Amino acid sequence: MSLEELQEGSKAISDVLEHDLPKMQKEKPENISSTASNICDRCGRNLYRLF
């Protein structure tokens, strides 16, 4: 992967976040319980959330 391709990808991600992040933050639920179960119903593993 060339430096130019990396810069192009970085710019694309930046543009998407600039456009979509405010919308995503507005849609994020306010009351998320810290005790809410994030366990996969298929495998039983604990799921980790990025946001």
Protein backbone atom coordinates (compact mmCIF):
# COMPACT_ATOMS: atom_id res chain seq x y z
CA MET A 1 0.00 0.00 0.00
CA SER A 2 1.45 3.33 -0.99
CA LEU A 3 1.60 6.51 1.05
CA GLU A 4 -0.84 8.11 -1.38
CA GLU A 5 -3.37 5.31 -0.84
CA LEU A 6 -3.05 5.66 2.93
CA GLN A 7 -3.58 9.41 2.73
CA GLU A 8 -6.62 8.92 0.49
CA GLY A 9 -8.11 6.37 2.90
CA SER A 10 -7.45 8.62 5.87
CA LYS A 11 -9.17 11.53 4.12
CA ALA A 12 -12.17 9.33 3.26
CA ILE A 13 -12.56 8.19 6.88
CA SER A 14 -12.23 11.77 8.09
CA ASP A 15 -14.92 12.94 5.66
CA VAL A 16 -17.31 10.16 6.72
CA LEU A 17 -16.81 10.87 10.42
CA GLU A 18 -17.22 14.61 9.91
CA HIS A 19 -20.57 13.96 8.23
CA ASP A 20 -21.90 10.98 10.23
CA LEU A 21 -20.49 11.35 13.75
CA PRO A 22 -22.76 14.25 14.84
CA LYS A 23 -25.78 12.30 13.56
CA MET A 24 -24.67 9.15 15.38
CA GLN A 25 -24.12 11.08 18.62
CA LYS A 26 -27.64 12.55 18.43
CA GLU A 27 -29.14 9.08 17.92
CA LYS A 28 -27.16 7.49 20.76
CA PRO A 29 -29.47 6.47 23.62
CA GLU A 30 -28.98 8.56 26.75
CA ASN A 31 -29.77 5.92 29.35
CA ILE A 32 -27.50 2.95 28.83
CA SER A 33 -27.40 0.73 31.87
CA SER A 34 -23.91 -0.33 32.88
CA THR A 35 -25.43 -3.54 34.21
CA ALA A 36 -27.10 -4.38 30.91
CA SER A 37 -26.10 -7.78 29.62
CA ASN A 38 -23.99 -7.78 26.48
CA ILE A 39 -23.81 -11.54 26.19
CA CYS A 40 -24.12 -13.19 22.80
CA ASP A 41 -27.22 -15.36 22.64
CA ARG A 42 -25.41 -17.80 20.33
CA CYS A 43 -22.04 -18.41 21.96
CA GLY A 44 -22.44 -16.89 25.43
CA ARG A 45 -19.39 -14.65 25.08
CA ASN A 46 -19.33 -11.14 26.49
CA LEU A 47 -19.62 -8.56 23.70
CA TYR A 48 -17.61 -5.37 23.88
CA ARG A 49 -18.99 -2.10 22.58
CA LEU A 50 -16.78 0.45 20.90
CA PHE A 51 -19.04 3.41 21.62
